C-alpha atoms as a PDB file:
ATOM      1  CA  MET A   1      97.145 -77.345  17.161  1.00  0.00           C
ATOM      2  CA  PRO A   2      94.238 -79.586  18.115  1.00  0.00           C
ATOM      3  CA  VAL A   3      91.152 -79.732  15.742  1.00  0.00           C
ATOM      4  CA  THR A   4      87.704 -79.006  17.250  1.00  0.00           C
ATOM      5  CA  PRO A   5      85.042 -81.477  16.163  1.00  0.00           C
ATOM      6  CA  PRO A   6      81.800 -80.008  14.579  1.00  0.00           C
ATOM      7  CA  PRO A   7      78.758 -79.631  16.821  1.00  0.00           C
ATOM      8  CA  ALA A   8      76.218 -82.360  16.807  1.00  0.00           C
ATOM      9  CA  PRO A   9      72.844 -81.644  14.993  1.00  0.00           C
ATOM     10  CA  PRO A  10      69.855 -80.860  17.206  1.00  0.00           C
ATOM     11  CA  ALA A  11      67.422 -83.566  17.928  1.00  0.00           C
ATOM     12  CA  ALA A  12      64.219 -83.522  15.726  1.00  0.00           C
ATOM     13  CA  GLU A  13      61.050 -82.209  17.455  1.00  0.00           C
ATOM     14  CA  PRO A  14      58.029 -84.456  17.476  1.00  0.00           C
ATOM     15  CA  ALA A  15      55.317 -83.524  14.792  1.00  0.00           C
ATOM     16  CA  ALA A  16      52.145 -81.684  15.973  1.00  0.00           C
ATOM     17  CA  PRO A  17      48.988 -83.715  15.933  1.00  0.00           C
ATOM     18  CA  THR A  18      46.589 -83.064  12.966  1.00  0.00           C
ATOM     19  CA  PRO A  19      43.251 -81.369  14.023  1.00  0.00           C
ATOM     20  CA  ALA A  20      40.251 -83.515  13.620  1.00  0.00           C
ATOM     21  CA  HIS A  21      37.719 -82.702  10.807  1.00  0.00           C
ATOM     22  CA  LEU A  22      39.935 -80.072   9.227  1.00  0.00           C
ATOM     23  CA  GLU A  23      38.564 -80.594   5.737  1.00  0.00           C
ATOM     24  CA  PHE A  24      34.974 -80.340   6.943  1.00  0.00           C
ATOM     25  CA  LYS A  25      35.610 -77.092   8.707  1.00  0.00           C
ATOM     26  CA  ALA A  26      37.303 -75.606   5.647  1.00  0.00           C
ATOM     27  CA  ALA A  27      34.407 -76.658   3.432  1.00  0.00           C
ATOM     28  CA  ALA A  28      31.889 -75.190   5.902  1.00  0.00           C
ATOM     29  CA  LEU A  29      33.798 -71.889   5.951  1.00  0.00           C
ATOM     30  CA  LEU A  30      33.799 -71.719   2.157  1.00  0.00           C
ATOM     31  CA  VAL A  31      30.088 -72.460   2.020  1.00  0.00           C
ATOM     32  CA  ALA A  32      29.372 -69.778   4.647  1.00  0.00           C
ATOM     33  CA  MET A  33      31.398 -67.238   2.693  1.00  0.00           C
ATOM     34  CA  LEU A  34      29.586 -68.155  -0.513  1.00  0.00           C
ATOM     35  CA  VAL A  35      26.189 -67.866   1.189  1.00  0.00           C
ATOM     36  CA  LEU A  36      27.199 -64.504   2.635  1.00  0.00           C
ATOM     37  CA  ILE A  37      28.304 -63.244  -0.770  1.00  0.00           C
ATOM     38  CA  VAL A  38      25.116 -64.458  -2.433  1.00  0.00           C
ATOM     39  CA  ALA A  39      22.980 -62.938   0.324  1.00  0.00           C
ATOM     40  CA  SER A  40      24.817 -59.630   0.053  1.00  0.00           C
ATOM     41  CA  THR A  41      24.376 -59.651  -3.709  1.00  0.00           C
ATOM     42  CA  LEU A  42      20.679 -60.412  -3.414  1.00  0.00           C
ATOM     43  CA  TYR A  43      20.259 -57.667  -0.820  1.00  0.00           C
ATOM     44  CA  LEU A  44      22.030 -55.182  -2.994  1.00  0.00           C
ATOM     45  CA  LEU A  45      19.894 -56.173  -5.963  1.00  0.00           C
ATOM     46  CA  TYR A  46      16.786 -55.815  -3.806  1.00  0.00           C
ATOM     47  CA  ALA A  47      17.935 -52.483  -2.467  1.00  0.00           C
ATOM     48  CA  ARG A  48      18.590 -51.304  -6.009  1.00  0.00           C
ATOM     49  CA  GLY A  49      15.099 -52.407  -7.034  1.00  0.00           C
ATOM     50  CA  ALA A  50      16.131 -55.322  -9.229  1.00  0.00           C
ATOM     51  CA  PHE A  51      13.134 -57.349  -8.097  1.00  0.00           C
ATOM     52  CA  GLU A  52      10.662 -54.443  -8.140  1.00  0.00           C
ATOM     53  CA  ARG A  53       7.959 -54.142 -10.770  1.00  0.00           C
ATOM     54  CA  THR A  54       8.729 -51.307 -13.172  1.00  0.00           C
ATOM     55  CA  GLN A  55       7.295 -49.732 -16.268  1.00  0.00           C
ATOM     56  CA  GLU A  56       9.310 -48.301 -19.142  1.00  0.00           C
ATOM     57  CA  LEU A  57       9.421 -44.668 -20.242  1.00  0.00           C
ATOM     58  CA  THR A  58      11.188 -43.502 -23.409  1.00  0.00           C
ATOM     59  CA  LEU A  59      12.612 -39.997 -23.516  1.00  0.00           C
ATOM     60  CA  ILE A  60      13.799 -38.388 -26.766  1.00  0.00           C
ATOM     61  CA  THR A  61      16.377 -35.600 -26.850  1.00  0.00           C
ATOM     62  CA  ASP A  62      18.837 -34.135 -29.345  1.00  0.00           C
ATOM     63  CA  ASP A  63      21.760 -34.027 -26.900  1.00  0.00           C
ATOM     64  CA  ALA A  64      22.330 -36.521 -24.085  1.00  0.00           C
ATOM     65  CA  GLU A  65      25.600 -35.088 -22.824  1.00  0.00           C
ATOM     66  CA  GLY A  66      25.947 -35.882 -19.127  1.00  0.00           C
ATOM     67  CA  VAL A  67      23.348 -38.663 -19.189  1.00  0.00           C
ATOM     68  CA  ALA A  68      24.679 -41.992 -17.926  1.00  0.00           C
ATOM     69  CA  VAL A  69      23.187 -45.400 -17.300  1.00  0.00           C
ATOM     70  CA  GLY A  70      22.077 -45.686 -13.694  1.00  0.00           C
ATOM     71  CA  MET A  71      21.393 -41.965 -13.113  1.00  0.00           C
ATOM     72  CA  ASP A  72      18.143 -41.103 -11.363  1.00  0.00           C
ATOM     73  CA  MET A  73      15.137 -39.235 -12.667  1.00  0.00           C
ATOM     74  CA  THR A  74      13.751 -37.052  -9.879  1.00  0.00           C
ATOM     75  CA  PHE A  75      10.362 -35.630  -9.095  1.00  0.00           C
ATOM     76  CA  SER A  76      10.249 -32.833  -6.497  1.00  0.00           C
ATOM     77  CA  GLY A  77      13.766 -33.814  -5.482  1.00  0.00           C
ATOM     78  CA  PHE A  78      13.003 -37.530  -4.952  1.00  0.00           C
ATOM     79  CA  PRO A  79      14.221 -40.290  -7.326  1.00  0.00           C
ATOM     80  CA  ILE A  80      11.289 -42.038  -9.003  1.00  0.00           C
ATOM     81  CA  GLY A  81      13.111 -43.688 -11.928  1.00  0.00           C
ATOM     82  CA  ARG A  82      16.498 -44.860 -13.178  1.00  0.00           C
ATOM     83  CA  VAL A  83      18.097 -44.655 -16.625  1.00  0.00           C
ATOM     84  CA  ARG A  84      18.520 -48.164 -17.959  1.00  0.00           C
ATOM     85  CA  ARG A  85      19.814 -47.526 -21.449  1.00  0.00           C
ATOM     86  CA  VAL A  86      20.927 -44.703 -23.754  1.00  0.00           C
ATOM     87  CA  ASP A  87      20.771 -45.259 -27.532  1.00  0.00           C
ATOM     88  CA  LEU A  88      21.424 -43.164 -30.643  1.00  0.00           C
ATOM     89  CA  VAL A  89      18.646 -43.765 -33.178  1.00  0.00           C
ATOM     90  CA  GLU A  90      18.695 -43.375 -36.961  1.00  0.00           C
ATOM     91  CA  ASP A  91      17.463 -39.754 -37.123  1.00  0.00           C
ATOM     92  CA  GLY A  92      20.298 -38.519 -34.902  1.00  0.00           C
ATOM     93  CA  LYS A  93      18.165 -38.274 -31.803  1.00  0.00           C
ATOM     94  CA  VAL A  94      19.041 -39.846 -28.482  1.00  0.00           C
ATOM     95  CA  ARG A  95      16.665 -42.314 -26.886  1.00  0.00           C
ATOM     96  CA  ILE A  96      16.800 -42.644 -23.114  1.00  0.00           C
ATOM     97  CA  LEU A  97      15.061 -45.654 -21.574  1.00  0.00           C
ATOM     98  CA  VAL A  98      13.972 -45.058 -17.989  1.00  0.00           C
ATOM     99  CA  ASP A  99      12.619 -47.725 -15.613  1.00  0.00           C
ATOM    100  CA  ILE A 100       9.993 -46.322 -13.266  1.00  0.00           C
ATOM    101  CA  PRO A 101       8.754 -48.372 -10.291  1.00  0.00           C
ATOM    102  CA  VAL A 102       5.052 -49.054 -10.438  1.00  0.00           C
ATOM    103  CA  LYS A 103       4.591 -47.650  -6.915  1.00  0.00           C
ATOM    104  CA  ASP A 104       6.035 -44.280  -8.060  1.00  0.00           C
ATOM    105  CA  ALA A 105       4.416 -44.159 -11.499  1.00  0.00           C
ATOM    106  CA  HIS A 106       1.339 -42.323 -10.173  1.00  0.00           C
ATOM    107  CA  TRP A 107       3.394 -39.121  -9.926  1.00  0.00           C
ATOM    108  CA  LEU A 108       3.657 -38.978 -13.712  1.00  0.00           C
ATOM    109  CA  ARG A 109       0.704 -37.771 -15.795  1.00  0.00           C
ATOM    110  CA  GLU A 110       0.042 -37.330 -19.482  1.00  0.00           C
ATOM    111  CA  THR A 111       0.742 -33.612 -19.082  1.00  0.00           C
ATOM    112  CA  SER A 112       4.047 -34.157 -17.256  1.00  0.00           C
ATOM    113  CA  VAL A 113       7.118 -32.335 -18.546  1.00  0.00           C
ATOM    114  CA  PHE A 114      10.621 -33.849 -18.552  1.00  0.00           C
ATOM    115  CA  VAL A 115      13.655 -31.571 -18.388  1.00  0.00           C
ATOM    116  CA  LEU A 116      17.346 -32.355 -18.816  1.00  0.00           C
ATOM    117  CA  ALA A 117      19.009 -29.613 -16.756  1.00  0.00           C
ATOM    118  CA  ARG A 118      22.720 -28.905 -16.947  1.00  0.00           C
ATOM    119  CA  GLY A 119      24.031 -26.218 -14.598  1.00  0.00           C
ATOM    120  CA  LEU A 120      27.253 -24.277 -14.548  1.00  0.00           C
ATOM    121  CA  VAL A 121      28.411 -26.329 -11.560  1.00  0.00           C
ATOM    122  CA  GLY A 122      27.376 -29.921 -10.882  1.00  0.00           C
ATOM    123  CA  ASP A 123      26.168 -32.926 -12.826  1.00  0.00           C
ATOM    124  CA  THR A 124      23.352 -33.193 -15.333  1.00  0.00           C
ATOM    125  CA  ARG A 125      19.923 -33.729 -13.778  1.00  0.00           C
ATOM    126  CA  LEU A 126      16.899 -35.440 -15.284  1.00  0.00           C
ATOM    127  CA  ARG A 127      13.754 -34.005 -13.726  1.00  0.00           C
ATOM    128  CA  ALA A 128      10.020 -34.586 -14.132  1.00  0.00           C
ATOM    129  CA  TYR A 129       7.322 -31.974 -13.484  1.00  0.00           C
ATOM    130  CA  SER A 130       3.607 -32.683 -13.107  1.00  0.00           C
ATOM    131  CA  GLY A 131       1.523 -29.551 -12.846  1.00  0.00           C
ATOM    132  CA  VAL A 132      -1.938 -31.138 -12.487  1.00  0.00           C
ATOM    133  CA  LEU A 133      -1.946 -34.402 -10.572  1.00  0.00           C
ATOM    134  CA  THR A 134      -5.600 -35.034 -11.434  1.00  0.00           C
ATOM    135  CA  ASP A 135      -4.829 -35.571 -15.128  1.00  0.00           C
ATOM    136  CA  PRO A 136      -4.811 -39.126 -16.538  1.00  0.00           C
ATOM    137  CA  ALA A 137      -1.831 -41.253 -15.499  1.00  0.00           C
ATOM    138  CA  LEU A 138       1.093 -41.718 -17.878  1.00  0.00           C
ATOM    139  CA  PRO A 139       0.729 -45.103 -19.594  1.00  0.00           C
ATOM    140  CA  ALA A 140       3.530 -47.698 -19.598  1.00  0.00           C
ATOM    141  CA  GLY A 141       5.858 -47.511 -22.601  1.00  0.00           C
ATOM    142  CA  ALA A 142       5.024 -43.860 -23.300  1.00  0.00           C
ATOM    143  CA  THR A 143       7.415 -41.691 -25.333  1.00  0.00           C
ATOM    144  CA  ARG A 144       8.037 -38.077 -24.448  1.00  0.00           C
ATOM    145  CA  THR A 145      10.376 -35.338 -25.625  1.00  0.00           C
ATOM    146  CA  VAL A 146      12.880 -33.960 -23.160  1.00  0.00           C
ATOM    147  CA  LEU A 147      13.273 -30.225 -22.760  1.00  0.00           C
ATOM    148  CA  ARG A 148      16.777 -28.916 -22.273  1.00  0.00           C
ATOM    149  CA  GLY A 149      17.674 -26.493 -19.516  1.00  0.00           C
ATOM    150  CA  ASP A 150      21.342 -25.926 -20.244  1.00  0.00           C
ATOM    151  CA  ALA A 151      22.634 -22.915 -18.326  1.00  0.00           C
ATOM    152  CA  THR A 152      25.952 -22.971 -20.172  1.00  0.00           C
ATOM    153  CA  THR A 153      24.215 -22.028 -23.432  1.00  0.00           C
ATOM    154  CA  GLU A 154      23.283 -18.696 -21.862  1.00  0.00           C
ATOM    155  CA  VAL A 155      26.891 -17.811 -21.002  1.00  0.00           C
ATOM    156  CA  PRO A 156      27.750 -16.415 -24.485  1.00  0.00           C
ATOM    157  CA  LYS A 157      24.560 -14.345 -24.453  1.00  0.00           C
ATOM    158  CA  LEU A 158      25.414 -13.025 -21.007  1.00  0.00           C
ATOM    159  CA  VAL A 159      28.942 -12.157 -22.107  1.00  0.00           C
ATOM    160  CA  ALA A 160      27.653 -10.367 -25.214  1.00  0.00           C
ATOM    161  CA  ALA A 161      25.062  -8.475 -23.155  1.00  0.00           C
ATOM    162  CA  ALA A 162      27.705  -7.512 -20.588  1.00  0.00           C
ATOM    163  CA  ARG A 163      30.038  -6.284 -23.339  1.00  0.00           C
ATOM    164  CA  GLU A 164      27.232  -4.218 -24.879  1.00  0.00           C
ATOM    165  CA  LEU A 165      26.392  -2.781 -21.462  1.00  0.00           C
ATOM    166  CA  VAL A 166      30.022  -1.804 -20.869  1.00  0.00           C
ATOM    167  CA  ASP A 167      30.185  -0.143 -24.295  1.00  0.00           C
ATOM    168  CA  ASN A 168      27.019   1.810 -23.570  1.00  0.00           C
ATOM    169  CA  LEU A 169      28.381   2.920 -20.212  1.00  0.00           C
ATOM    170  CA  ALA A 170      31.612   4.005 -21.863  1.00  0.00           C
ATOM    171  CA  ARG A 171      29.700   6.055 -24.438  1.00  0.00           C
ATOM    172  CA  LEU A 172      27.525   7.610 -21.744  1.00  0.00           C
ATOM    173  CA  SER A 173      30.504   8.562 -19.563  1.00  0.00           C
ATOM    174  CA  ALA A 174      32.534  10.053 -22.424  1.00  0.00           C
ATOM    175  CA  ALA A 175      33.378  13.764 -22.257  1.00  0.00           C
ATOM    176  CA  GLU A 176      31.489  14.533 -25.499  1.00  0.00           C
ATOM    177  CA  SER A 177      28.483  12.365 -24.721  1.00  0.00           C
ATOM    178  CA  PRO A 178      24.958  13.862 -24.554  1.00  0.00           C
ATOM    179  CA  LEU A 179      24.795  12.942 -20.872  1.00  0.00           C
ATOM    180  CA  ALA A 180      27.928  14.966 -20.075  1.00  0.00           C
ATOM    181  CA  GLN A 181      26.567  17.933 -22.041  1.00  0.00           C
ATOM    182  CA  SER A 182      23.219  17.660 -20.260  1.00  0.00           C
ATOM    183  CA  LEU A 183      24.991  17.653 -16.904  1.00  0.00           C
ATOM    184  CA  ALA A 184      26.962  20.734 -17.952  1.00  0.00           C
ATOM    185  CA  HIS A 185      23.718  22.496 -18.908  1.00  0.00           C
ATOM    186  CA  VAL A 186      22.164  21.506 -15.596  1.00  0.00           C
ATOM    187  CA  GLN A 187      25.167  22.916 -13.761  1.00  0.00           C
ATOM    188  CA  ALA A 188      24.896  26.207 -15.696  1.00  0.00           C
ATOM    189  CA  ALA A 189      21.172  26.400 -14.916  1.00  0.00           C
ATOM    190  CA  THR A 190      21.897  25.770 -11.233  1.00  0.00           C
ATOM    191  CA  GLU A 191      24.444  28.587 -11.199  1.00  0.00           C
ATOM    192  CA  LYS A 192      21.870  30.953 -12.728  1.00  0.00           C
ATOM    193  CA  LEU A 193      19.300  29.887 -10.153  1.00  0.00           C
ATOM    194  CA  ASN A 194      21.774  30.677  -7.392  1.00  0.00           C
ATOM    195  CA  GLY A 195      22.539  34.062  -8.997  1.00  0.00           C
ATOM    196  CA  PRO A 196      21.038  37.440  -7.993  1.00  0.00           C
ATOM    197  CA  ARG A 197      18.158  37.202 -10.536  1.00  0.00           C
ATOM    198  CA  GLY A 198      17.200  33.647  -9.560  1.00  0.00           C
ATOM    199  CA  ALA A 199      14.640  31.906 -11.731  1.00  0.00           C
ATOM    200  CA  LEU A 200      14.006  35.055 -13.822  1.00  0.00           C
ATOM    201  CA  GLY A 201      17.619  35.093 -14.974  1.00  0.00           C
ATOM    202  CA  LEU A 202      17.302  31.412 -15.908  1.00  0.00           C
ATOM    203  CA  VAL A 203      14.067  31.952 -17.849  1.00  0.00           C
ATOM    204  CA  PHE A 204      15.046  35.089 -19.803  1.00  0.00           C
ATOM    205  CA  GLY A 205      18.743  34.372 -20.156  1.00  0.00           C
ATOM    206  CA  ASN A 206      19.876  37.995 -19.568  1.00  0.00           C
ATOM    207  CA  ASP A 207      19.760  40.484 -16.728  1.00  0.00           C
ATOM    208  CA  THR A 208      18.030  43.261 -18.743  1.00  0.00           C
ATOM    209  CA  ASP A 209      14.805  41.347 -19.366  1.00  0.00           C
ATOM    210  CA  ALA A 210      14.857  39.974 -15.858  1.00  0.00           C
ATOM    211  CA  GLN A 211      15.136  43.538 -14.473  1.00  0.00           C
ATOM    212  CA  ARG A 212      12.227  44.633 -16.663  1.00  0.00           C
ATOM    213  CA  VAL A 213      10.066  41.842 -15.362  1.00  0.00           C
ATOM    214  CA  ASN A 214      11.081  42.696 -11.805  1.00  0.00           C
ATOM    215  CA  ASP A 215      10.140  46.371 -12.323  1.00  0.00           C
ATOM    216  CA  THR A 216       6.839  45.338 -13.866  1.00  0.00           C
ATOM    217  CA  LEU A 217       6.098  43.144 -10.857  1.00  0.00           C
ATOM    218  CA  GLN A 218       6.880  46.011  -8.484  1.00  0.00           C
ATOM    219  CA  ARG A 219       4.594  48.394 -10.394  1.00  0.00           C
ATOM    220  CA  THR A 220       1.899  45.761 -10.434  1.00  0.00           C
ATOM    221  CA  GLN A 221       2.244  45.350  -6.687  1.00  0.00           C
ATOM    222  CA  ALA A 222       1.934  49.109  -6.159  1.00  0.00           C
ATOM    223  CA  ALA A 223      -1.133  49.221  -8.435  1.00  0.00           C
ATOM    224  CA  LEU A 224      -2.684  46.384  -6.474  1.00  0.00           C
ATOM    225  CA  ALA A 225      -2.039  48.291  -3.248  1.00  0.00           C
ATOM    226  CA  ARG A 226      -3.780  51.384  -4.641  1.00  0.00           C
ATOM    227  CA  LEU A 227      -6.634  49.246  -5.938  1.00  0.00           C
ATOM    228  CA  ASP A 228      -6.967  47.751  -2.489  1.00  0.00           C
ATOM    229  CA  GLY A 229      -7.356  51.253  -1.035  1.00  0.00           C
ATOM    230  CA  VAL A 230      -9.974  52.126  -3.643  1.00  0.00           C
ATOM    231  CA  LEU A 231     -11.885  48.973  -2.838  1.00  0.00           C
ATOM    232  CA  ARG A 232     -11.814  49.795   0.855  1.00  0.00           C
ATOM    233  CA  ARG A 233     -13.217  53.271   0.131  1.00  0.00           C
ATOM    234  CA  VAL A 234     -15.887  51.751  -2.116  1.00  0.00           C
ATOM    235  CA  ASP A 235     -16.796  49.359   0.681  1.00  0.00           C
ATOM    236  CA  GLY A 236     -17.180  52.336   3.015  1.00  0.00           C
ATOM    237  CA  VAL A 237     -19.377  54.192   0.543  1.00  0.00           C
ATOM    238  CA  VAL A 238     -21.537  51.118   0.025  1.00  0.00           C
ATOM    239  CA  ALA A 239     -21.832  50.641   3.779  1.00  0.00           C
ATOM    240  CA  ARG A 240     -22.919  54.273   4.257  1.00  0.00           C
ATOM    241  CA  ALA A 241     -25.373  54.038   1.374  1.00  0.00           C
ATOM    242  CA  ASP A 242     -26.749  50.839   2.825  1.00  0.00           C
ATOM    243  CA  GLU A 243     -27.187  52.541   6.181  1.00  0.00           C
ATOM    244  CA  GLN A 244     -28.862  55.575   4.573  1.00  0.00           C
ATOM    245  CA  VAL A 245     -31.190  53.472   2.490  1.00  0.00           C
ATOM    246  CA  LEU A 246     -31.874  50.454   4.695  1.00  0.00           C
ATOM    247  CA  GLY A 247     -30.919  51.794   8.148  1.00  0.00           C
ATOM    248  CA  PRO A 248     -33.304  52.693  10.976  1.00  0.00           C
ATOM    249  CA  GLN A 249     -33.353  56.338   9.804  1.00  0.00           C
ATOM    250  CA  GLY A 250     -32.895  55.448   6.133  1.00  0.00           C
ATOM    251  CA  LEU A 251     -34.833  56.217   3.033  1.00  0.00           C
ATOM    252  CA  MET A 252     -36.746  52.967   2.922  1.00  0.00           C
ATOM    253  CA  ARG A 253     -38.597  53.817   6.097  1.00  0.00           C
ATOM    254  CA  ASP A 254     -39.645  57.201   4.684  1.00  0.00           C
ATOM    255  CA  VAL A 255     -40.580  55.583   1.381  1.00  0.00           C
ATOM    256  CA  GLN A 256     -42.775  53.089   3.189  1.00  0.00           C
ATOM    257  CA  ALA A 257     -44.465  55.897   5.110  1.00  0.00           C
ATOM    258  CA  GLY A 258     -44.904  57.825   1.840  1.00  0.00           C
ATOM    259  CA  VAL A 259     -46.416  54.802   0.186  1.00  0.00           C
ATOM    260  CA  VAL A 260     -48.898  54.478   3.061  1.00  0.00           C
ATOM    261  CA  GLN A 261     -49.861  58.158   2.727  1.00  0.00           C
ATOM    262  CA  LEU A 262     -50.107  57.787  -1.052  1.00  0.00           C
ATOM    263  CA  ARG A 263     -52.360  54.798  -0.611  1.00  0.00           C
ATOM    264  CA  GLU A 264     -54.591  56.810   1.762  1.00  0.00           C
ATOM    265  CA  LEU A 265     -54.612  59.714  -0.683  1.00  0.00           C
ATOM    266  CA  LEU A 266     -55.532  57.471  -3.572  1.00  0.00           C
ATOM    267  CA  GLN A 267     -58.304  56.005  -1.454  1.00  0.00           C
ATOM    268  CA  ALA A 268     -59.578  59.495  -0.720  1.00  0.00           C
ATOM    269  CA  SER A 269     -59.341  60.390  -4.423  1.00  0.00           C
ATOM    270  CA  GLN A 270     -61.296  57.294  -5.283  1.00  0.00           C
ATOM    271  CA  ASP A 271     -63.972  58.263  -2.809  1.00  0.00           C
ATOM    272  CA  SER A 272     -64.081  61.751  -4.320  1.00  0.00           C
ATOM    273  CA  LEU A 273     -64.443  60.336  -7.815  1.00  0.00           C
ATOM    274  CA  ARG A 274     -67.279  58.168  -6.612  1.00  0.00           C
ATOM    275  CA  LYS A 275     -68.963  61.264  -5.241  1.00  0.00           C
ATOM    276  CA  VAL A 276     -68.436  63.007  -8.607  1.00  0.00           C
ATOM    277  CA  ASP A 277     -70.040  60.069 -10.326  1.00  0.00           C
ATOM    278  CA  ALA A 278     -72.980  60.249  -7.944  1.00  0.00           C
ATOM    279  CA  VAL A 279     -73.329  64.001  -8.486  1.00  0.00           C
ATOM    280  CA  LEU A 280     -73.260  63.576 -12.251  1.00  0.00           C
ATOM    281  CA  GLU A 281     -75.983  61.010 -11.974  1.00  0.00           C
ATOM    282  CA  GLU A 282     -78.012  63.409  -9.949  1.00  0.00           C
ATOM    283  CA  ALA A 283     -77.260  66.135 -12.520  1.00  0.00           C
ATOM    284  CA  ARG A 284     -78.638  63.961 -15.297  1.00  0.00           C
ATOM    285  CA  GLY A 285     -81.694  62.979 -13.295  1.00  0.00           C
ATOM    286  CA  ILE A 286     -82.549  66.341 -11.878  1.00  0.00           C
ATOM    287  CA  ALA A 287     -82.444  68.836 -14.682  1.00  0.00           C
ATOM    288  CA  GLY A 288     -84.727  71.357 -12.940  1.00  0.00           C
ATOM    289  CA  ASN A 289     -82.732  71.844  -9.726  1.00  0.00           C
ATOM    290  CA  VAL A 290     -79.851  73.740 -11.336  1.00  0.00           C
ATOM    291  CA  SER A 291     -78.985  75.917  -8.411  1.00  0.00           C
ATOM    292  CA  GLY A 292     -78.643  72.975  -6.008  1.00  0.00           C
ATOM    293  CA  ALA A 293     -76.501  71.007  -8.488  1.00  0.00           C
ATOM    294  CA  THR A 294     -74.253  74.013  -9.043  1.00  0.00           C
ATOM    295  CA  THR A 295     -73.660  74.258  -5.314  1.00  0.00           C
ATOM    296  CA  ASP A 296     -72.819  70.548  -5.077  1.00  0.00           C
ATOM    297  CA  LEU A 297     -70.428  70.848  -8.033  1.00  0.00           C
ATOM    298  CA  GLY A 298     -68.605  73.718  -6.369  1.00  0.00           C
ATOM    299  CA  ALA A 299     -68.130  71.741  -3.176  1.00  0.00           C
ATOM    300  CA  LEU A 300     -67.000  68.716  -5.170  1.00  0.00           C
ATOM    301  CA  ARG A 301     -64.503  70.842  -7.108  1.00  0.00           C
ATOM    302  CA  ALA A 302     -63.098  72.181  -3.879  1.00  0.00           C
ATOM    303  CA  GLU A 303     -62.706  68.635  -2.526  1.00  0.00           C
ATOM    304  CA  VAL A 304     -60.976  67.459  -5.747  1.00  0.00           C
ATOM    305  CA  GLU A 305     -58.559  70.383  -5.623  1.00  0.00           C
ATOM    306  CA  THR A 306     -57.762  69.525  -2.033  1.00  0.00           C
ATOM    307  CA  SER A 307     -56.963  65.938  -3.011  1.00  0.00           C
ATOM    308  CA  LEU A 308     -54.748  67.133  -5.872  1.00  0.00           C
ATOM    309  CA  ARG A 309     -52.847  69.463  -3.558  1.00  0.00           C
ATOM    310  CA  ARG A 310     -52.279  66.574  -1.136  1.00  0.00           C
ATOM    311  CA  ILE A 311     -50.954  64.374  -4.006  1.00  0.00           C
ATOM    312  CA  ASP A 312     -48.613  67.155  -5.165  1.00  0.00           C
ATOM    313  CA  HIS A 313     -47.350  67.634  -1.617  1.00  0.00           C
ATOM    314  CA  LEU A 314     -46.727  63.883  -1.258  1.00  0.00           C
ATOM    315  CA  ILE A 315     -44.793  63.792  -4.574  1.00  0.00           C
ATOM    316  CA  GLN A 316     -42.639  66.731  -3.469  1.00  0.00           C
ATOM    317  CA  GLU A 317     -41.957  64.987  -0.155  1.00  0.00           C
ATOM    318  CA  VAL A 318     -40.893  61.785  -1.980  1.00  0.00           C
ATOM    319  CA  ASN A 319     -38.584  63.775  -4.291  1.00  0.00           C
ATOM    320  CA  ARG A 320     -37.052  65.529  -1.342  1.00  0.00           C
ATOM    321  CA  ARG A 321     -36.353  62.312   0.564  1.00  0.00           C
ATOM    322  CA  TRP A 322     -35.146  60.265  -2.441  1.00  0.00           C
ATOM    323  CA  PRO A 323     -31.265  60.304  -2.212  1.00  0.00           C
ATOM    324  CA  PHE A 324     -30.657  60.326  -5.970  1.00  0.00           C
ATOM    325  CA  LYS A 325     -32.994  63.279  -6.700  1.00  0.00           C
ATOM    326  CA  ARG A 326     -31.061  66.294  -7.993  1.00  0.00           C
ATOM    327  CA  ASP A 327     -32.209  69.691  -6.841  1.00  0.00           C
ATOM    328  CA  THR A 328     -32.265  71.913  -9.926  1.00  0.00           C
ATOM    329  CA  GLN A 329     -33.423  75.041  -8.129  1.00  0.00           C
ATOM    330  CA  ILE A 330     -30.986  77.896  -7.763  1.00  0.00           C
ATOM    331  CA  GLN A 331     -31.112  79.567  -4.400  1.00  0.00           C
ATOM    332  CA  VAL A 332     -30.289  83.220  -4.396  1.00  0.00           C
ATOM    333  CA  PRO A 333     -28.624  84.421  -1.247  1.00  0.00           C
END
């Protein structure tokens, strides 16, 4: 069996030519990368405020849980400072060093309040509040105490309050509780109100007293009706009396006429008395003429008697026309 000779090795390829200035290009690329890294670092430092003028603020608190270096301090939701360092001092307090840019330091005043708020959900927040922006500015290197606004500390109180509320509700809704008894009494009172006696049955508690009150009210109503009739009759009597006294044909008109006649009669009587006075004067002066004086006295007496009879007649006429005059004479048929 013939032996096959091994294949011949392939011919070597010619080497590629070396690029010109290869070392220079590599060095230039390294320098460009280094410059780019340095520029990026400087930009980041500038963006982070590394080259910005700042002033230091020291905050003291008794618990710095959640506070980390680099966290922001906000004012009205905007970052105006950054935590640079957190230290534990000898008295057990925590000292927080905050760098505040000079351009944002005017938001902080001597009356500013700093709060370390920790919510139920989310990170810890360091906030600054300035109520009066016209107060003096906060000096550099100032030290302030931080107020804590930890919402988680209120959770046990809320749980205890909720448990107490549930216990109170359980006691109120129990079958033997005062509220249940009060509701039962209200229901009984409502049933009495809806009963035949209504509110009277609820007030007196029994039907007997309620019936008595009802009878009394009915009698009172009847008495009021009778009283109303009596008042109407009294009104009629008063109206008739008013008409008789003050009407066109009433007593007042006759009384006025009688008064006029009485005035005339009194005037006549006065004239008669004057004549008597004159006659008496003549009687004193003329003592010798007795017969003539006697004649004058007789005429004067007759005139006086006439005046008296007219007065008596006028008085009888007034008594007859006066409505309240009682006639005491007995007429015999």
